[in-house]
């Protein structure tokens, strides 16, 4: 694996192209790599990140409301 190399990942029946952004040798038997989607596919990884992000925002909003109420 080399930085800049284009790879195709397969997940079930889905395929998508990615570019390798960085590569790091963690130990003699392990390499980690960062990838960038060249063909963004909705829900390619099987995770709805937008729903997760909405929940995080709700949690932050709720916390901010509680904090502001305790100041008064």
Protein backbone atom coordinates (compact mmCIF):
# COMPACT_ATOMS: atom_id res chain seq x y z
CA UNK A 1 0.00 0.00 0.00
CA UNK A 2 1.26 3.43 -0.95
CA UNK A 3 -0.06 6.95 -0.34
CA UNK A 4 -2.04 8.11 -3.38
CA UNK A 5 -2.84 4.57 -4.55
CA UNK A 6 -6.45 3.96 -5.64
CA UNK A 7 -8.16 0.89 -4.20
CA UNK A 8 -11.64 -0.63 -4.50
CA UNK A 9 -13.36 -1.87 -1.36
CA UNK A 10 -16.19 -4.39 -1.47
CA UNK A 11 -18.85 -4.61 1.23
CA UNK A 12 -21.56 -7.10 0.38
CA UNK A 13 -22.83 -6.17 -3.08
CA UNK A 14 -21.47 -2.61 -2.79
CA UNK A 15 -18.18 -1.44 -4.28
CA UNK A 16 -16.50 1.95 -3.90
CA UNK A 17 -13.19 3.54 -4.92
CA UNK A 18 -10.90 5.04 -2.28
CA UNK A 19 -7.54 6.81 -2.30
CA UNK A 20 -4.99 5.89 0.35
CA UNK A 21 -4.24 9.10 2.30
CA UNK A 22 -1.64 7.77 4.72
CA UNK A 23 0.01 4.52 5.70
CA UNK A 24 1.62 3.67 9.04
CA UNK A 25 3.50 0.53 10.04
CA UNK A 26 2.26 -0.19 13.57
CA UNK A 27 4.31 -3.32 14.12
CA UNK A 28 5.92 -5.96 11.87
CA UNK A 29 2.57 -7.65 11.25
CA UNK A 30 0.21 -4.63 11.27
CA UNK A 31 -0.27 -1.70 8.91
CA UNK A 32 -2.87 1.02 9.31
CA UNK A 33 -4.08 3.23 6.47
CA UNK A 34 -6.34 6.24 6.12
CA UNK A 35 -8.58 6.29 3.07
CA UNK A 36 -10.62 8.93 1.28
CA UNK A 37 -13.81 8.07 -0.60
CA UNK A 38 -13.62 8.97 -4.28
CA UNK A 39 -17.18 7.80 -4.94
CA UNK A 40 -19.15 8.55 -1.79
CA UNK A 41 -21.91 5.97 -1.37
CA UNK A 42 -24.73 6.45 1.07
CA UNK A 43 -24.50 3.99 3.93
CA UNK A 44 -21.56 2.08 2.39
CA UNK A 45 -20.29 1.00 5.81
CA UNK A 46 -23.73 0.00 7.10
CA UNK A 47 -23.82 2.90 9.56
CA UNK A 48 -26.12 5.90 9.22
CA UNK A 49 -23.70 8.57 10.39
CA UNK A 50 -26.19 11.37 9.93
CA UNK A 51 -28.53 9.78 12.48
CA UNK A 52 -25.61 9.37 14.86
CA UNK A 53 -24.59 12.99 14.37
CA UNK A 54 -28.17 14.13 15.03
CA UNK A 55 -28.19 12.20 18.31
CA UNK A 56 -24.88 13.75 19.35
CA UNK A 57 -26.25 17.23 18.62
CA UNK A 58 -29.38 16.49 20.66
CA UNK A 59 -27.22 15.36 23.57
CA UNK A 60 -25.08 18.51 23.42
CA UNK A 61 -28.16 20.75 23.15
CA UNK A 62 -29.74 18.99 26.13
CA UNK A 63 -26.55 19.38 28.18
CA UNK A 64 -26.28 23.08 27.30
CA UNK A 65 -29.91 23.60 28.34
CA UNK A 66 -29.33 21.88 31.67
CA UNK A 67 -26.18 23.91 32.29
CA UNK A 68 -27.91 27.19 31.50
CA UNK A 69 -30.82 26.31 33.83
CA UNK A 70 -28.47 25.59 36.76
CA UNK A 71 -26.87 29.05 36.43
CA UNK A 72 -30.16 30.86 37.12
